[in-house]
Protein backbone atom coordinates (compact mmCIF):
# COMPACT_ATOMS: atom_id res chain seq x y z
CA MET A 1 9.20 -36.58 -15.99
CA ASP A 2 7.27 -39.04 -13.75
CA GLU A 3 4.37 -37.90 -11.98
CA GLN A 4 5.54 -37.40 -8.22
CA THR A 5 8.29 -35.22 -10.14
CA LEU A 6 5.23 -32.62 -11.72
CA ILE A 7 3.73 -32.48 -8.73
CA ALA A 8 6.65 -31.90 -6.34
CA LYS A 9 7.50 -28.85 -9.29
CA LEU A 10 3.65 -27.85 -9.07
CA LYS A 11 3.81 -27.29 -5.24
CA THR A 12 6.15 -24.40 -5.57
CA GLY A 13 4.43 -23.05 -8.25
CA PRO A 14 0.83 -23.69 -8.48
CA VAL A 15 -0.68 -21.14 -10.47
CA VAL A 16 -0.12 -22.52 -14.53
CA PRO A 17 -0.86 -20.09 -17.31
CA VAL A 18 -3.24 -21.50 -19.90
CA ILE A 19 -2.33 -19.93 -23.43
CA ASN A 20 -4.45 -20.66 -26.51
CA PRO A 21 -1.83 -19.21 -28.68
CA PRO A 22 -3.09 -16.50 -31.18
CA SER A 23 1.17 -17.08 -33.07
CA VAL A 24 4.22 -18.44 -31.97
CA GLU A 25 5.29 -14.93 -31.13
CA ALA A 26 2.86 -13.78 -28.96
CA CYS A 27 2.80 -16.93 -26.88
CA LEU A 28 6.42 -17.01 -26.68
CA ALA A 29 6.24 -13.14 -25.59
CA ALA A 30 3.83 -14.30 -22.92
CA THR A 31 6.03 -16.90 -21.80
CA ASP A 32 9.15 -14.60 -21.26
CA ALA A 33 6.75 -12.48 -19.44
CA LEU A 34 4.85 -14.81 -17.20
CA VAL A 35 8.39 -16.64 -16.21
CA ALA A 36 9.83 -13.34 -15.36
CA GLY A 37 7.20 -13.16 -12.76
CA GLY A 38 8.05 -16.55 -11.71
CA ALA A 39 6.08 -18.70 -13.33
CA ILE A 40 7.61 -22.55 -13.58
CA ALA A 41 4.81 -24.09 -15.69
CA ILE A 42 3.29 -22.99 -18.82
CA GLU A 43 0.18 -24.96 -20.10
CA ILE A 44 -0.01 -24.63 -24.03
CA THR A 45 -3.17 -26.12 -25.59
CA LEU A 46 -2.90 -27.89 -28.98
CA ARG A 47 -6.17 -26.34 -30.19
CA SER A 48 -4.74 -25.08 -33.48
CA ALA A 49 -2.10 -25.71 -36.47
CA ILE A 50 0.40 -22.89 -34.88
CA ALA A 51 0.14 -24.24 -31.02
CA PRO A 52 2.49 -27.36 -31.91
CA LYS A 53 5.59 -24.62 -33.11
CA ALA A 54 4.36 -22.39 -30.30
CA LEU A 55 5.16 -25.08 -27.89
CA GLU A 56 8.15 -25.98 -29.41
CA ALA A 57 9.71 -22.20 -29.67
CA CYS A 58 8.90 -21.88 -25.89
CA ARG A 59 10.65 -25.40 -25.19
CA LYS A 60 13.50 -24.00 -26.84
CA ALA A 61 13.57 -20.72 -24.80
CA HIS A 62 12.83 -22.26 -21.72
CA PRO A 63 14.51 -25.81 -21.39
CA ASP A 64 13.87 -25.56 -17.64
CA ILE A 65 10.17 -24.91 -16.87
CA VAL A 66 7.34 -27.34 -16.55
CA ILE A 67 5.85 -27.33 -20.03
CA GLY A 68 2.25 -29.18 -20.73
CA ALA A 69 -0.07 -29.89 -23.71
CA GLY A 70 -3.53 -28.94 -23.06
CA SER A 71 -6.72 -30.16 -24.89
CA VAL A 72 -4.80 -33.62 -25.31
CA MET A 73 -7.78 -35.40 -26.41
CA ASP A 74 -6.55 -38.32 -29.01
CA VAL A 75 -3.12 -40.61 -29.42
CA GLU A 76 -1.92 -38.78 -32.04
CA ARG A 77 -2.30 -35.23 -30.09
CA TYR A 78 -0.41 -37.45 -27.46
CA ASP A 79 2.40 -38.62 -29.34
CA GLN A 80 2.80 -35.17 -30.87
CA ALA A 81 3.49 -33.69 -27.51
CA GLU A 82 5.44 -36.01 -26.75
CA ALA A 83 7.67 -35.26 -29.53
CA LEU A 84 7.28 -31.93 -29.16
CA GLY A 85 9.28 -32.24 -25.46
CA ALA A 86 6.07 -31.51 -23.07
CA ASP A 87 6.49 -32.41 -19.77
CA PHE A 88 2.86 -33.58 -18.95
CA THR A 89 -0.67 -33.45 -21.53
CA ILE A 90 -4.00 -32.52 -20.02
CA ALA A 91 -7.46 -32.89 -21.07
CA PRO A 92 -11.03 -31.34 -20.79
CA GLY A 93 -12.44 -34.89 -20.08
CA ARG A 94 -11.42 -38.56 -19.83
CA CYS A 95 -9.93 -40.26 -23.43
CA LEU A 96 -9.54 -44.04 -22.16
CA GLN A 97 -7.36 -44.48 -25.80
CA VAL A 98 -5.02 -41.89 -24.35
CA GLU A 99 -4.67 -42.80 -20.85
CA GLU A 100 -3.93 -46.48 -22.13
CA ARG A 101 -1.13 -44.95 -23.94
CA ALA A 102 0.26 -42.79 -21.38
CA LYS A 103 0.52 -46.18 -19.10
CA GLY A 104 4.20 -46.61 -18.48
CA ARG A 105 5.59 -44.02 -20.10
CA SER A 106 7.39 -40.75 -19.14
CA LEU A 107 5.00 -38.23 -20.49
CA VAL A 108 2.34 -38.06 -17.89
CA HIS A 109 -1.00 -37.64 -18.59
CA VAL A 110 -3.92 -35.67 -16.80
CA PRO A 111 -7.39 -36.68 -17.55
CA GLY A 112 -9.98 -34.32 -17.07
CA ILE A 113 -13.52 -35.12 -14.76
CA VAL A 114 -16.37 -32.85 -13.41
CA THR A 115 -18.23 -35.74 -10.82
CA PRO A 116 -17.56 -37.97 -8.26
CA SER A 117 -18.44 -41.20 -10.80
CA GLU A 118 -15.62 -39.82 -12.76
CA ILE A 119 -13.44 -39.49 -9.99
CA ILE A 120 -14.57 -43.13 -8.78
CA GLN A 121 -13.88 -44.78 -12.29
CA ALA A 122 -10.46 -42.71 -12.74
CA ARG A 123 -9.12 -43.78 -9.23
CA LEU A 124 -9.74 -47.43 -10.38
CA ASP A 125 -8.19 -47.16 -13.67
CA GLY A 126 -5.29 -45.61 -11.96
CA PHE A 127 -5.45 -42.10 -12.11
CA LYS A 128 -5.37 -39.36 -9.20
CA LEU A 129 -3.97 -36.32 -10.53
CA LEU A 130 -6.62 -35.44 -12.27
CA LYS A 131 -7.94 -32.18 -14.34
CA PHE A 132 -11.58 -30.31 -12.68
CA TYR A 133 -13.31 -28.83 -15.34
CA PRO A 134 -15.20 -26.61 -16.42
CA SER A 135 -13.92 -25.48 -12.43
CA GLU A 136 -16.30 -22.46 -11.55
CA ALA A 137 -19.23 -23.42 -13.84
CA ALA A 138 -19.56 -26.18 -11.71
CA GLY A 139 -19.38 -25.10 -8.30
CA GLY A 140 -15.62 -24.47 -8.06
CA ALA A 141 -13.60 -23.78 -4.53
CA LYS A 142 -17.16 -25.09 -2.97
CA THR A 143 -17.39 -28.09 -4.62
CA LEU A 144 -13.85 -29.08 -4.36
CA LYS A 145 -13.92 -28.58 -0.99
CA ASP A 146 -16.84 -31.25 -0.74
CA PHE A 147 -14.65 -33.62 -2.65
CA GLY A 148 -11.71 -33.14 -0.49
CA HIS A 149 -13.29 -34.96 2.32
CA ILE A 150 -14.75 -37.92 -0.12
CA PHE A 151 -11.17 -38.20 -2.12
CA PRO A 152 -8.83 -36.75 0.03
CA ASP A 153 -6.06 -39.18 -2.24
CA ILE A 154 -6.55 -37.51 -5.63
CA THR A 155 -4.80 -34.63 -6.72
CA LEU A 156 -6.63 -31.92 -8.66
CA MET A 157 -5.50 -29.21 -11.25
CA PRO A 158 -8.71 -27.10 -11.93
CA SER A 159 -9.54 -24.74 -14.42
CA GLY A 160 -11.95 -23.00 -16.27
CA GLY A 161 -13.19 -19.39 -15.29
CA ILE A 162 -10.97 -19.10 -12.32
CA THR A 163 -9.84 -15.53 -11.45
CA PHE A 164 -7.54 -13.77 -9.70
CA ASP A 165 -10.01 -12.98 -6.34
CA THR A 166 -11.29 -17.02 -6.48
CA LEU A 167 -7.82 -17.72 -5.56
CA PRO A 168 -7.60 -17.37 -2.23
CA GLY A 169 -10.47 -20.48 -2.12
CA TYR A 170 -8.41 -23.13 -4.00
CA ALA A 171 -5.77 -22.24 -2.09
CA ALA A 172 -7.27 -23.43 1.36
CA ILE A 173 -8.12 -26.79 -0.25
CA PRO A 174 -5.28 -29.48 0.58
CA ILE A 175 -6.04 -31.64 -3.29
CA VAL A 176 -5.74 -28.48 -4.85
CA LEU A 177 -2.41 -28.69 -6.24
CA SER A 178 -2.83 -26.17 -9.22
CA VAL A 179 -4.89 -23.76 -10.43
CA GLY A 180 -5.05 -22.75 -14.47
CA GLY A 181 -6.47 -19.99 -16.69
CA SER A 182 -5.32 -17.01 -18.62
CA TRP A 183 -6.33 -13.82 -16.54
CA MET A 184 -2.78 -13.33 -14.86
CA TYR A 185 -1.89 -12.71 -18.83
CA ALA A 186 -4.80 -11.20 -20.62
CA LYS A 187 -8.12 -9.01 -19.30
CA GLY A 188 -11.11 -8.35 -21.86
CA GLY A 189 -9.82 -10.48 -24.54
CA ALA A 190 -6.71 -8.61 -25.03
CA TYR A 191 -3.33 -9.26 -23.70
CA ARG A 192 -1.70 -7.82 -20.96
CA THR A 193 1.58 -5.57 -21.21
CA PRO A 194 4.59 -7.99 -20.58
CA GLU A 195 5.21 -6.01 -17.44
CA ASP A 196 1.60 -5.88 -16.21
CA MET A 197 1.59 -10.00 -17.06
CA ALA A 198 4.55 -10.82 -14.57
CA GLU A 199 3.25 -8.17 -12.17
CA GLN A 200 0.03 -10.25 -12.33
CA MET A 201 1.73 -13.76 -12.46
CA ARG A 202 4.34 -12.58 -9.22
CA LEU A 203 0.75 -11.66 -7.12
CA SER A 204 -1.19 -14.82 -8.22
CA LEU A 205 1.53 -16.88 -7.01
CA LYS A 206 1.65 -14.99 -3.49
CA ALA A 207 -2.56 -15.71 -2.97
CA MET A 208 -1.99 -19.47 -4.06
CA LEU A 209 1.42 -20.40 -2.27
CA PRO A 210 1.08 -20.42 2.07
CA GLY A 211 2.68 -17.92 4.10
């Protein structure tokens, strides 16, 4: 999937659940419920030994949704994500080796940024689709509104501390492509019921989509 296709798909479903799977079964069940609620994209963080198995299982169960591999901070993880069938990789910061690996390949990599200096350098290096992390700790929608005035040609996927209540602020910013987080499937550190996950997903999409 090329970058423009990824952007076009995320525009239709600009809420991306970010799952750090406790087990393959829990990740798959959550993905099933979130897709039932309208999710067109899921990010699974590759931080544990079971995470690749969870991504693989979700890929097989939901071949038509967009699946991202998160926390991809080295070339080995990037190659693993590609082999597992991920549609994009995303990182909390910049890794020049991964970015170089991704150039010219079909697996899009989304580098992470938090400062204007990082945005400037990422643009010079050919990356305009970027992750903003940790979003709320770094000023959230207020910061991104300012970034939009200075860098109107970039596209951002913020995550980190975002909640349902903060969605309207992000929805109003043109450079925000999607928002990521866990609020729609977890509360107080515990997973919601499948029915609640689906409902929270529906409400979150409604809050982010115009009209």
